[in-house]
Amino acid sequence: MKNIILENDIVLLRPIELTDIESIAEAGRDERIWEHMQVSLTTKKAVEQYVKNAIAERNLKVSYMFVIIDKKTNKIVGCTSFLDISLEHKRLEIGNTWINPSVWHTPINTNCKFLLLTYCFEQLKLNRVQLKTGHQNIRSQKAIERIGAVKEGVFRNHMIRRDGSIRHTVMYSITNEEWLNVKEQFLQHLLS
């Protein structure tokens, strides 16, 4: 998992770098992005720490963060990550995804997930990819269900949000046995 670059005609995913700080700060200014997230990247200091942490975690092989680049504009519009990586057990999580509202309801997120999942199942030969979201983040739950992930359950009282409230975490997964059917569903939705 070194220098992973994934792309199609819609989106480019590449490893996050220190040189991305300004572009991430610009993409992350909108407060709506952070409503359901554990971080908020509305200040340059927060973005600098976020990028440094992501690079450190990549070097430790704990996580692998990508910047999301809209191929129409060639601008960074968000980030997404591989988390909870266990190649020994052939599993990981796709998460910490955020996207600027200017590209919400566009093919960007669907294409990101397609590229990431294709890499996971067809290159890494994983058995399982999980995705999770907060119980109040209905938009994210619908997006995860739309791509064909199976809802496995809810982890009650799983996290404490930035505002101190309790977050229950909704867990989804896709297994290698399901991938071909999920891939077929993706191919029908990649442009919508």
N, C-alpha and C. Protein backbone atom coordinates (compact mmCIF):
# COMPACT_ATOMS: atom_id res chain seq x y z
N MET A 1 0.84 -1.20 0.00
CA MET A 1 0.00 0.00 0.00
C MET A 1 0.88 1.25 0.00
N LYS A 2 1.66 1.40 -1.04
CA LYS A 2 2.53 2.57 -1.15
C LYS A 2 2.15 3.36 -2.40
N ASN A 3 2.05 4.66 -2.24
CA ASN A 3 1.77 5.59 -3.34
C ASN A 3 0.60 5.12 -4.20
N ILE A 4 -0.52 4.88 -3.56
CA ILE A 4 -1.72 4.43 -4.26
C ILE A 4 -2.36 5.63 -4.97
N ILE A 5 -2.58 5.48 -6.26
CA ILE A 5 -3.28 6.50 -7.04
C ILE A 5 -4.42 5.80 -7.78
N LEU A 6 -5.62 6.27 -7.55
CA LEU A 6 -6.81 5.68 -8.15
C LEU A 6 -7.53 6.78 -8.92
N GLU A 7 -7.94 6.48 -10.15
CA GLU A 7 -8.65 7.52 -10.90
C GLU A 7 -9.49 6.93 -12.01
N ASN A 8 -10.47 7.73 -12.40
CA ASN A 8 -11.27 7.48 -13.60
C ASN A 8 -11.55 8.83 -14.22
N ASP A 9 -12.54 8.94 -15.08
CA ASP A 9 -12.82 10.21 -15.75
C ASP A 9 -13.41 11.26 -14.82
N ILE A 10 -13.93 10.86 -13.67
CA ILE A 10 -14.65 11.76 -12.76
C ILE A 10 -13.76 12.26 -11.63
N VAL A 11 -12.95 11.37 -11.06
CA VAL A 11 -12.24 11.70 -9.82
C VAL A 11 -10.85 11.09 -9.80
N LEU A 12 -9.96 11.76 -9.07
CA LEU A 12 -8.60 11.27 -8.82
C LEU A 12 -8.41 11.20 -7.31
N LEU A 13 -7.96 10.05 -6.83
CA LEU A 13 -7.61 9.88 -5.42
C LEU A 13 -6.11 9.66 -5.35
N ARG A 14 -5.43 10.48 -4.55
CA ARG A 14 -3.99 10.31 -4.38
C ARG A 14 -3.64 10.56 -2.91
N PRO A 15 -2.48 10.09 -2.46
CA PRO A 15 -2.11 10.27 -1.06
C PRO A 15 -2.03 11.74 -0.67
N ILE A 16 -2.51 12.05 0.53
CA ILE A 16 -2.45 13.41 1.06
C ILE A 16 -1.00 13.79 1.31
N GLU A 17 -0.66 15.07 1.06
CA GLU A 17 0.70 15.57 1.25
C GLU A 17 0.66 16.95 1.92
N LEU A 18 1.78 17.37 2.49
CA LEU A 18 1.85 18.68 3.13
C LEU A 18 1.51 19.81 2.16
N THR A 19 1.83 19.64 0.90
CA THR A 19 1.54 20.67 -0.09
C THR A 19 0.05 20.85 -0.35
N ASP A 20 -0.79 19.98 0.24
CA ASP A 20 -2.24 20.07 0.05
C ASP A 20 -2.93 20.96 1.08
N ILE A 21 -2.19 21.47 2.06
CA ILE A 21 -2.81 22.19 3.18
C ILE A 21 -3.71 23.33 2.70
N GLU A 22 -3.22 24.19 1.82
CA GLU A 22 -4.02 25.34 1.35
C GLU A 22 -5.30 24.88 0.64
N SER A 23 -5.17 23.89 -0.22
CA SER A 23 -6.34 23.42 -0.98
C SER A 23 -7.36 22.73 -0.08
N ILE A 24 -6.89 21.99 0.92
CA ILE A 24 -7.80 21.35 1.86
C ILE A 24 -8.50 22.41 2.71
N ALA A 25 -7.76 23.43 3.13
CA ALA A 25 -8.35 24.51 3.90
C ALA A 25 -9.47 25.19 3.11
N GLU A 26 -9.23 25.40 1.83
CA GLU A 26 -10.26 26.01 0.98
C GLU A 26 -11.48 25.10 0.84
N ALA A 27 -11.24 23.83 0.61
CA ALA A 27 -12.35 22.87 0.43
C ALA A 27 -13.13 22.63 1.72
N GLY A 28 -12.47 22.81 2.87
CA GLY A 28 -13.10 22.48 4.14
C GLY A 28 -13.73 23.62 4.90
N ARG A 29 -13.83 24.79 4.29
CA ARG A 29 -14.34 25.98 5.00
C ARG A 29 -15.81 25.90 5.38
N ASP A 30 -16.59 25.17 4.63
CA ASP A 30 -18.04 25.15 4.83
C ASP A 30 -18.39 24.36 6.10
N GLU A 31 -19.03 25.01 7.05
CA GLU A 31 -19.39 24.38 8.34
C GLU A 31 -20.28 23.15 8.18
N ARG A 32 -21.08 23.10 7.12
CA ARG A 32 -22.00 21.97 6.93
C ARG A 32 -21.26 20.64 6.84
N ILE A 33 -20.03 20.67 6.36
CA ILE A 33 -19.24 19.44 6.20
C ILE A 33 -19.04 18.75 7.54
N TRP A 34 -18.86 19.52 8.60
CA TRP A 34 -18.37 19.00 9.87
C TRP A 34 -19.46 18.67 10.88
N GLU A 35 -20.72 18.82 10.48
CA GLU A 35 -21.84 18.57 11.39
C GLU A 35 -21.77 17.19 12.04
N HIS A 36 -21.41 16.17 11.29
CA HIS A 36 -21.39 14.79 11.79
C HIS A 36 -19.98 14.22 11.94
N MET A 37 -18.98 15.05 11.81
CA MET A 37 -17.59 14.57 11.84
C MET A 37 -16.95 14.80 13.20
N GLN A 38 -15.92 14.04 13.51
CA GLN A 38 -15.19 14.19 14.76
C GLN A 38 -14.17 15.33 14.68
N VAL A 39 -13.90 15.82 13.50
CA VAL A 39 -12.98 16.95 13.32
C VAL A 39 -13.73 18.09 12.65
N SER A 40 -13.12 19.26 12.69
CA SER A 40 -13.60 20.41 11.93
C SER A 40 -12.38 21.09 11.34
N LEU A 41 -12.39 21.26 10.04
CA LEU A 41 -11.23 21.84 9.35
C LEU A 41 -11.53 23.25 8.87
N THR A 42 -12.11 24.05 9.73
CA THR A 42 -12.47 25.41 9.34
C THR A 42 -11.37 26.42 9.68
N THR A 43 -10.27 25.97 10.29
CA THR A 43 -9.13 26.87 10.54
C THR A 43 -7.88 26.26 9.90
N LYS A 44 -6.96 27.13 9.52
CA LYS A 44 -5.73 26.64 8.90
C LYS A 44 -4.92 25.79 9.88
N LYS A 45 -4.91 26.16 11.15
CA LYS A 45 -4.18 25.37 12.15
C LYS A 45 -4.73 23.95 12.24
N ALA A 46 -6.06 23.82 12.21
CA ALA A 46 -6.69 22.49 12.26
C ALA A 46 -6.31 21.67 11.02
N VAL A 47 -6.28 22.32 9.87
CA VAL A 47 -5.93 21.62 8.62
C VAL A 47 -4.48 21.16 8.67
N GLU A 48 -3.59 22.02 9.14
CA GLU A 48 -2.17 21.64 9.23
C GLU A 48 -2.00 20.41 10.11
N GLN A 49 -2.66 20.39 11.27
CA GLN A 49 -2.55 19.24 12.18
C GLN A 49 -3.16 17.99 11.55
N TYR A 50 -4.29 18.16 10.87
CA TYR A 50 -4.99 17.06 10.19
C TYR A 50 -4.07 16.40 9.17
N VAL A 51 -3.42 17.21 8.34
CA VAL A 51 -2.55 16.68 7.29
C VAL A 51 -1.32 16.01 7.90
N LYS A 52 -0.71 16.65 8.90
CA LYS A 52 0.46 16.06 9.56
C LYS A 52 0.10 14.72 10.21
N ASN A 53 -1.04 14.66 10.88
CA ASN A 53 -1.48 13.41 11.50
C ASN A 53 -1.71 12.33 10.45
N ALA A 54 -2.34 12.70 9.33
CA ALA A 54 -2.62 11.73 8.27
C ALA A 54 -1.32 11.14 7.71
N ILE A 55 -0.33 11.98 7.51
CA ILE A 55 0.95 11.50 6.97
C ILE A 55 1.65 10.62 7.99
N ALA A 56 1.62 11.01 9.26
CA ALA A 56 2.24 10.20 10.31
C ALA A 56 1.55 8.83 10.41
N GLU A 57 0.22 8.80 10.35
CA GLU A 57 -0.51 7.53 10.42
C GLU A 57 -0.24 6.66 9.19
N ARG A 58 -0.09 7.28 8.04
CA ARG A 58 0.27 6.51 6.83
C ARG A 58 1.65 5.88 7.01
N ASN A 59 2.59 6.64 7.53
CA ASN A 59 3.95 6.12 7.75
C ASN A 59 3.96 4.97 8.75
N LEU A 60 3.05 5.01 9.71
CA LEU A 60 2.93 3.94 10.71
C LEU A 60 2.05 2.78 10.22
N LYS A 61 1.49 2.93 9.02
CA LYS A 61 0.60 1.94 8.42
C LYS A 61 -0.68 1.72 9.24
N VAL A 62 -1.12 2.79 9.91
CA VAL A 62 -2.35 2.76 10.71
C VAL A 62 -3.55 3.13 9.84
N SER A 63 -3.35 4.12 8.98
CA SER A 63 -4.41 4.54 8.05
C SER A 63 -3.75 5.06 6.79
N TYR A 64 -4.57 5.31 5.77
CA TYR A 64 -4.05 5.79 4.49
C TYR A 64 -5.06 6.79 3.93
N MET A 65 -4.74 8.08 4.04
CA MET A 65 -5.67 9.11 3.60
C MET A 65 -5.37 9.58 2.17
N PHE A 66 -6.45 9.75 1.43
CA PHE A 66 -6.39 10.27 0.06
C PHE A 66 -7.02 11.66 0.02
N VAL A 67 -6.53 12.51 -0.88
CA VAL A 67 -7.29 13.70 -1.25
C VAL A 67 -8.17 13.30 -2.42
N ILE A 68 -9.35 13.93 -2.49
CA ILE A 68 -10.30 13.69 -3.56
C ILE A 68 -10.22 14.88 -4.50
N ILE A 69 -9.87 14.63 -5.74
CA ILE A 69 -9.74 15.70 -6.73
C ILE A 69 -10.81 15.53 -7.79
N ASP A 70 -11.61 16.58 -7.97
CA ASP A 70 -12.63 16.62 -9.01
C ASP A 70 -11.91 16.82 -10.35
N LYS A 71 -12.03 15.87 -11.26
CA LYS A 71 -11.30 15.95 -12.53
C LYS A 71 -11.81 17.10 -13.42
N LYS A 72 -13.06 17.55 -13.20
CA LYS A 72 -13.57 18.69 -13.99
C LYS A 72 -12.81 19.97 -13.69
N THR A 73 -12.51 20.18 -12.42
CA THR A 73 -11.89 21.43 -11.98
C THR A 73 -10.43 21.27 -11.59
N ASN A 74 -9.99 20.03 -11.42
CA ASN A 74 -8.65 19.70 -10.95
C ASN A 74 -8.38 20.28 -9.56
N LYS A 75 -9.46 20.42 -8.75
CA LYS A 75 -9.34 20.95 -7.39
C LYS A 75 -9.65 19.87 -6.37
N ILE A 76 -8.99 19.97 -5.21
CA ILE A 76 -9.31 19.10 -4.09
C ILE A 76 -10.68 19.49 -3.57
N VAL A 77 -11.57 18.48 -3.44
CA VAL A 77 -12.93 18.72 -2.95
C VAL A 77 -13.23 17.93 -1.67
N GLY A 78 -12.22 17.21 -1.14
CA GLY A 78 -12.43 16.46 0.08
C GLY A 78 -11.32 15.45 0.32
N CYS A 79 -11.58 14.57 1.28
CA CYS A 79 -10.63 13.51 1.63
C CYS A 79 -11.40 12.24 1.98
N THR A 80 -10.72 11.11 1.89
CA THR A 80 -11.26 9.83 2.30
C THR A 80 -10.09 8.94 2.70
N SER A 81 -10.37 7.90 3.49
CA SER A 81 -9.27 7.11 4.05
C SER A 81 -9.55 5.62 4.09
N PHE A 82 -8.46 4.86 4.08
CA PHE A 82 -8.48 3.48 4.54
C PHE A 82 -8.12 3.53 6.02
N LEU A 83 -8.93 2.88 6.86
CA LEU A 83 -8.72 2.86 8.31
C LEU A 83 -8.74 1.43 8.80
N ASP A 84 -8.37 1.25 10.06
CA ASP A 84 -8.46 -0.08 10.69
C ASP A 84 -7.92 -1.16 9.74
N ILE A 85 -6.76 -0.89 9.19
CA ILE A 85 -6.17 -1.76 8.18
C ILE A 85 -5.61 -3.02 8.83
N SER A 86 -6.07 -4.17 8.37
CA SER A 86 -5.54 -5.45 8.83
C SER A 86 -5.40 -6.36 7.61
N LEU A 87 -4.26 -6.23 6.94
CA LEU A 87 -4.03 -7.06 5.76
C LEU A 87 -3.89 -8.53 6.15
N GLU A 88 -3.42 -8.78 7.37
CA GLU A 88 -3.32 -10.15 7.88
C GLU A 88 -4.69 -10.83 7.89
N HIS A 89 -5.71 -10.08 8.27
CA HIS A 89 -7.07 -10.61 8.32
C HIS A 89 -7.89 -10.23 7.09
N LYS A 90 -7.23 -9.61 6.11
CA LYS A 90 -7.84 -9.25 4.83
C LYS A 90 -9.09 -8.38 5.01
N ARG A 91 -8.91 -7.28 5.78
CA ARG A 91 -10.02 -6.36 5.98
C ARG A 91 -9.50 -4.96 6.22
N LEU A 92 -10.36 -3.99 5.97
CA LEU A 92 -10.11 -2.60 6.33
C LEU A 92 -11.43 -1.86 6.31
N GLU A 93 -11.36 -0.59 6.69
CA GLU A 93 -12.54 0.27 6.70
C GLU A 93 -12.29 1.43 5.74
N ILE A 94 -13.32 1.83 5.03
CA ILE A 94 -13.28 3.08 4.27
C ILE A 94 -14.05 4.09 5.10
N GLY A 95 -13.39 5.22 5.39
CA GLY A 95 -14.08 6.18 6.24
C GLY A 95 -13.39 7.52 6.30
N ASN A 96 -13.84 8.30 7.29
CA ASN A 96 -13.39 9.69 7.44
C ASN A 96 -13.52 10.47 6.14
N THR A 97 -14.56 10.14 5.41
CA THR A 97 -14.80 10.80 4.13
C THR A 97 -15.56 12.10 4.35
N TRP A 98 -15.05 13.15 3.77
CA TRP A 98 -15.77 14.42 3.74
C TRP A 98 -15.61 15.03 2.36
N ILE A 99 -16.66 15.71 1.93
CA ILE A 99 -16.68 16.30 0.59
C ILE A 99 -17.32 17.68 0.67
N ASN A 100 -16.77 18.62 -0.04
CA ASN A 100 -17.31 19.97 -0.08
C ASN A 100 -18.74 19.94 -0.62
N PRO A 101 -19.65 20.70 -0.02
CA PRO A 101 -21.05 20.70 -0.47
C PRO A 101 -21.25 21.07 -1.94
N SER A 102 -20.28 21.74 -2.55
CA SER A 102 -20.42 22.10 -3.96
C SER A 102 -20.49 20.87 -4.86
N VAL A 103 -20.02 19.71 -4.35
CA VAL A 103 -20.09 18.48 -5.14
C VAL A 103 -20.96 17.41 -4.48
N TRP A 104 -21.74 17.80 -3.46
CA TRP A 104 -22.74 16.88 -2.94
C TRP A 104 -23.75 16.61 -4.05
N HIS A 105 -24.32 15.44 -4.09
CA HIS A 105 -25.33 15.06 -5.09
C HIS A 105 -24.76 15.08 -6.50
N THR A 106 -23.47 14.80 -6.62
CA THR A 106 -22.82 14.64 -7.92
C THR A 106 -22.20 13.24 -7.93
N PRO A 107 -21.63 12.82 -9.05
CA PRO A 107 -21.02 11.48 -9.10
C PRO A 107 -19.71 11.33 -8.32
N ILE A 108 -19.22 12.38 -7.69
CA ILE A 108 -17.91 12.34 -7.02
C ILE A 108 -17.84 11.22 -5.97
N ASN A 109 -18.72 11.22 -4.97
CA ASN A 109 -18.63 10.26 -3.88
C ASN A 109 -18.82 8.82 -4.37
N THR A 110 -19.78 8.61 -5.25
CA THR A 110 -20.01 7.27 -5.78
C THR A 110 -18.77 6.75 -6.50
N ASN A 111 -18.14 7.60 -7.29
CA ASN A 111 -16.94 7.19 -8.00
C ASN A 111 -15.77 6.94 -7.06
N CYS A 112 -15.65 7.75 -6.01
CA CYS A 112 -14.62 7.50 -4.99
C CYS A 112 -14.78 6.11 -4.39
N LYS A 113 -15.99 5.82 -3.94
CA LYS A 113 -16.23 4.53 -3.29
C LYS A 113 -15.98 3.38 -4.27
N PHE A 114 -16.37 3.56 -5.52
CA PHE A 114 -16.15 2.51 -6.53
C PHE A 114 -14.65 2.24 -6.70
N LEU A 115 -13.86 3.30 -6.84
CA LEU A 115 -12.41 3.13 -7.01
C LEU A 115 -11.78 2.47 -5.79
N LEU A 116 -12.18 2.92 -4.60
CA LEU A 116 -11.63 2.36 -3.37
C LEU A 116 -11.99 0.89 -3.20
N LEU A 117 -13.26 0.58 -3.42
CA LEU A 117 -13.71 -0.81 -3.27
C LEU A 117 -13.09 -1.73 -4.33
N THR A 118 -12.98 -1.24 -5.54
CA THR A 118 -12.35 -2.04 -6.59
C THR A 118 -10.90 -2.36 -6.20
N TYR A 119 -10.20 -1.37 -5.70
CA TYR A 119 -8.82 -1.60 -5.25
C TYR A 119 -8.78 -2.63 -4.11
N CYS A 120 -9.69 -2.47 -3.16
CA CYS A 120 -9.72 -3.37 -2.00
C CYS A 120 -9.96 -4.82 -2.40
N PHE A 121 -10.97 -5.04 -3.26
CA PHE A 121 -11.34 -6.41 -3.58
C PHE A 121 -10.54 -7.01 -4.74
N GLU A 122 -10.11 -6.17 -5.68
CA GLU A 122 -9.46 -6.71 -6.87
C GLU A 122 -7.94 -6.62 -6.83
N GLN A 123 -7.39 -5.69 -6.06
CA GLN A 123 -5.93 -5.59 -5.91
C GLN A 123 -5.45 -6.20 -4.60
N LEU A 124 -6.07 -5.76 -3.50
CA LEU A 124 -5.66 -6.26 -2.19
C LEU A 124 -6.26 -7.63 -1.86
N LYS A 125 -7.29 -8.03 -2.61
CA LYS A 125 -7.96 -9.32 -2.40
C LYS A 125 -8.50 -9.47 -0.96
N LEU A 126 -9.15 -8.41 -0.50
CA LEU A 126 -9.69 -8.43 0.86
C LEU A 126 -10.94 -9.29 0.96
N ASN A 127 -11.23 -9.73 2.18
CA ASN A 127 -12.45 -10.48 2.45
C ASN A 127 -13.59 -9.57 2.89
N ARG A 128 -13.24 -8.40 3.45
CA ARG A 128 -14.26 -7.53 4.04
C ARG A 128 -13.80 -6.07 3.99
N VAL A 129 -14.75 -5.20 3.64
CA VAL A 129 -14.55 -3.76 3.76
C VAL A 129 -15.73 -3.23 4.55
N GLN A 130 -15.43 -2.49 5.61
CA GLN A 130 -16.52 -1.95 6.41
C GLN A 130 -16.60 -0.44 6.24
N LEU A 131 -17.80 0.07 6.46
CA LEU A 131 -18.07 1.51 6.44
C LEU A 131 -18.97 1.78 7.63
N LYS A 132 -18.78 2.91 8.28
CA LYS A 132 -19.65 3.22 9.41
C LYS A 132 -19.97 4.71 9.43
N THR A 133 -21.06 5.04 10.09
CA THR A 133 -21.49 6.43 10.17
C THR A 133 -22.31 6.62 11.43
N GLY A 134 -22.55 7.86 11.78
CA GLY A 134 -23.33 8.17 12.96
C GLY A 134 -24.82 7.93 12.74
N HIS A 135 -25.52 7.64 13.83
CA HIS A 135 -26.95 7.33 13.74
C HIS A 135 -27.78 8.52 13.26
N GLN A 136 -27.29 9.74 13.45
CA GLN A 136 -28.03 10.91 13.01
C GLN A 136 -27.68 11.34 11.59
N ASN A 137 -26.67 10.74 11.02
CA ASN A 137 -26.24 11.13 9.68
C ASN A 137 -26.99 10.30 8.63
N ILE A 138 -28.23 10.66 8.44
CA ILE A 138 -29.12 9.93 7.52
C ILE A 138 -28.62 10.01 6.08
N ARG A 139 -28.08 11.16 5.69
CA ARG A 139 -27.56 11.34 4.33
C ARG A 139 -26.46 10.32 4.05
N SER A 140 -25.54 10.13 5.01
CA SER A 140 -24.46 9.18 4.85
C SER A 140 -24.99 7.74 4.84
N GLN A 141 -25.94 7.43 5.72
CA GLN A 141 -26.52 6.08 5.75
C GLN A 141 -27.15 5.74 4.40
N LYS A 142 -27.89 6.68 3.83
CA LYS A 142 -28.53 6.43 2.53
C LYS A 142 -27.48 6.22 1.44
N ALA A 143 -26.40 7.01 1.49
CA ALA A 143 -25.35 6.86 0.48
C ALA A 143 -24.67 5.50 0.59
N ILE A 144 -24.42 5.05 1.81
CA ILE A 144 -23.78 3.74 2.02
C ILE A 144 -24.70 2.61 1.56
N GLU A 145 -25.98 2.74 1.89
CA GLU A 145 -26.95 1.71 1.47
C GLU A 145 -27.12 1.71 -0.04
N ARG A 146 -27.03 2.89 -0.64
CA ARG A 146 -27.20 3.00 -2.09
C ARG A 146 -26.13 2.22 -2.85
N ILE A 147 -24.92 2.14 -2.28
CA ILE A 147 -23.86 1.41 -2.98
C ILE A 147 -23.92 -0.09 -2.74
N GLY A 148 -24.85 -0.55 -1.90
CA GLY A 148 -25.03 -1.98 -1.73
C GLY A 148 -24.41 -2.58 -0.49
N ALA A 149 -23.93 -1.75 0.43
CA ALA A 149 -23.37 -2.28 1.67
C ALA A 149 -24.49 -2.82 2.55
N VAL A 150 -24.18 -3.83 3.33
CA VAL A 150 -25.15 -4.48 4.21
C VAL A 150 -25.05 -3.86 5.60
N LYS A 151 -26.18 -3.44 6.13
CA LYS A 151 -26.22 -2.89 7.49
C LYS A 151 -26.09 -4.06 8.47
N GLU A 152 -25.06 -3.99 9.31
CA GLU A 152 -24.80 -5.08 10.25
C GLU A 152 -25.36 -4.80 11.64
N GLY A 153 -25.56 -3.54 11.96
CA GLY A 153 -26.08 -3.22 13.28
C GLY A 153 -25.64 -1.85 13.75
N VAL A 154 -25.95 -1.56 15.01
CA VAL A 154 -25.65 -0.27 15.60
C VAL A 154 -24.82 -0.51 16.87
N PHE A 155 -23.68 0.17 16.94
CA PHE A 155 -22.88 0.16 18.17
C PHE A 155 -23.42 1.28 19.04
N ARG A 156 -24.12 0.92 20.09
CA ARG A 156 -24.74 1.92 20.96
C ARG A 156 -23.69 2.62 21.82
N ASN A 157 -23.91 3.92 22.04
CA ASN A 157 -23.00 4.74 22.86
C ASN A 157 -21.54 4.54 22.45
N HIS A 158 -21.29 4.54 21.16
CA HIS A 158 -19.97 4.19 20.62
C HIS A 158 -18.95 5.32 20.72
N MET A 159 -19.39 6.57 20.55
CA MET A 159 -18.45 7.69 20.54
C MET A 159 -19.07 8.90 21.23
N ILE A 160 -18.20 9.81 21.63
CA ILE A 160 -18.66 11.10 22.14
C ILE A 160 -18.31 12.13 21.07
N ARG A 161 -19.33 12.83 20.61
CA ARG A 161 -19.14 13.83 19.55
C ARG A 161 -18.46 15.08 20.10
N ARG A 162 -17.99 15.93 19.21
CA ARG A 162 -17.29 17.16 19.61
C ARG A 162 -18.11 18.02 20.55
N ASP A 163 -19.44 17.99 20.39
CA ASP A 163 -20.31 18.81 21.25
C ASP A 163 -20.66 18.11 22.57
N GLY A 164 -20.09 16.91 22.80
CA GLY A 164 -20.33 16.18 24.04
C GLY A 164 -21.49 15.19 23.99
N SER A 165 -22.26 15.21 22.90
CA SER A 165 -23.38 14.28 22.79
C SER A 165 -22.88 12.88 22.42
N ILE A 166 -23.73 11.90 22.67
CA ILE A 166 -23.39 10.50 22.39
C ILE A 166 -23.73 10.17 20.93
N ARG A 167 -22.82 9.48 20.29
CA ARG A 167 -23.06 8.99 18.92
C ARG A 167 -23.16 7.48 18.96
N HIS A 168 -24.26 6.97 18.41
CA HIS A 168 -24.38 5.54 18.13
C HIS A 168 -23.84 5.37 16.71
N THR A 169 -23.09 4.31 16.47
CA THR A 169 -22.45 4.12 15.18
C THR A 169 -23.15 3.01 14.40
N VAL A 170 -23.56 3.33 13.18
CA VAL A 170 -24.22 2.37 12.30
C VAL A 170 -23.13 1.71 11.45
N MET A 171 -23.03 0.38 11.55
CA MET A 171 -21.96 -0.37 10.88
C MET A 171 -22.50 -1.08 9.64
N TYR A 172 -21.76 -0.96 8.55
CA TYR A 172 -22.07 -1.61 7.28
C TYR A 172 -20.84 -2.37 6.80
N SER A 173 -21.05 -3.33 5.91
CA SER A 173 -19.91 -3.98 5.28
C SER A 173 -20.28 -4.51 3.90
N ILE A 174 -19.23 -4.79 3.16
CA ILE A 174 -19.32 -5.50 1.89
C ILE A 174 -18.28 -6.60 1.99
N THR A 175 -18.63 -7.83 1.61
CA THR A 175 -17.69 -8.93 1.65
C THR A 175 -17.27 -9.31 0.23
N ASN A 176 -16.19 -10.06 0.15
CA ASN A 176 -15.71 -10.45 -1.18
C ASN A 176 -16.75 -11.27 -1.94
N GLU A 177 -17.59 -12.04 -1.21
CA GLU A 177 -18.63 -12.81 -1.89
C GLU A 177 -19.70 -11.90 -2.51
N GLU A 178 -19.87 -10.73 -1.95
CA GLU A 178 -20.89 -9.79 -2.43
C GLU A 178 -20.36 -8.82 -3.49
N TRP A 179 -19.05 -8.75 -3.63
CA TRP A 179 -18.45 -7.70 -4.45
C TRP A 179 -18.95 -7.67 -5.89
N LEU A 180 -19.06 -8.79 -6.57
CA LEU A 180 -19.48 -8.76 -7.98
C LEU A 180 -20.87 -8.16 -8.15
N ASN A 181 -21.80 -8.49 -7.25
CA ASN A 181 -23.14 -7.89 -7.31
C ASN A 181 -23.10 -6.40 -6.98
N VAL A 182 -22.30 -6.05 -5.98
CA VAL A 182 -22.17 -4.64 -5.61
C VAL A 182 -21.53 -3.86 -6.76
N LYS A 183 -20.52 -4.44 -7.37
CA LYS A 183 -19.85 -3.78 -8.50
C LYS A 183 -20.85 -3.53 -9.63
N GLU A 184 -21.71 -4.49 -9.90
CA GLU A 184 -22.72 -4.32 -10.95
C GLU A 184 -23.66 -3.17 -10.61
N GLN A 185 -24.07 -3.06 -9.34
CA GLN A 185 -24.91 -1.93 -8.91
C GLN A 185 -24.18 -0.60 -9.13
N PHE A 186 -22.91 -0.56 -8.77
CA PHE A 186 -22.12 0.64 -8.96
C PHE A 186 -22.11 1.08 -10.42
N LEU A 187 -21.88 0.13 -11.29
CA LEU A 187 -21.76 0.46 -12.71
C LEU A 187 -23.04 1.09 -13.25
N GLN A 188 -24.16 0.82 -12.60
CA GLN A 188 -25.43 1.44 -13.01
C GLN A 188 -25.58 2.86 -12.46
N HIS A 189 -24.79 3.22 -11.41
CA HIS A 189 -24.96 4.52 -10.73
C HIS A 189 -23.78 5.46 -10.83
N LEU A 190 -22.72 5.09 -11.51
CA LEU A 190 -21.50 5.88 -11.48
C LEU A 190 -21.67 7.31 -12.00
N LEU A 191 -22.59 7.53 -12.87
CA LEU A 191 -22.75 8.86 -13.44
C LEU A 191 -23.88 9.65 -12.79
N SER A 192 -24.54 9.06 -11.78
CA SER A 192 -25.67 9.77 -11.17
C SER A 192 -25.37 10.23 -9.76
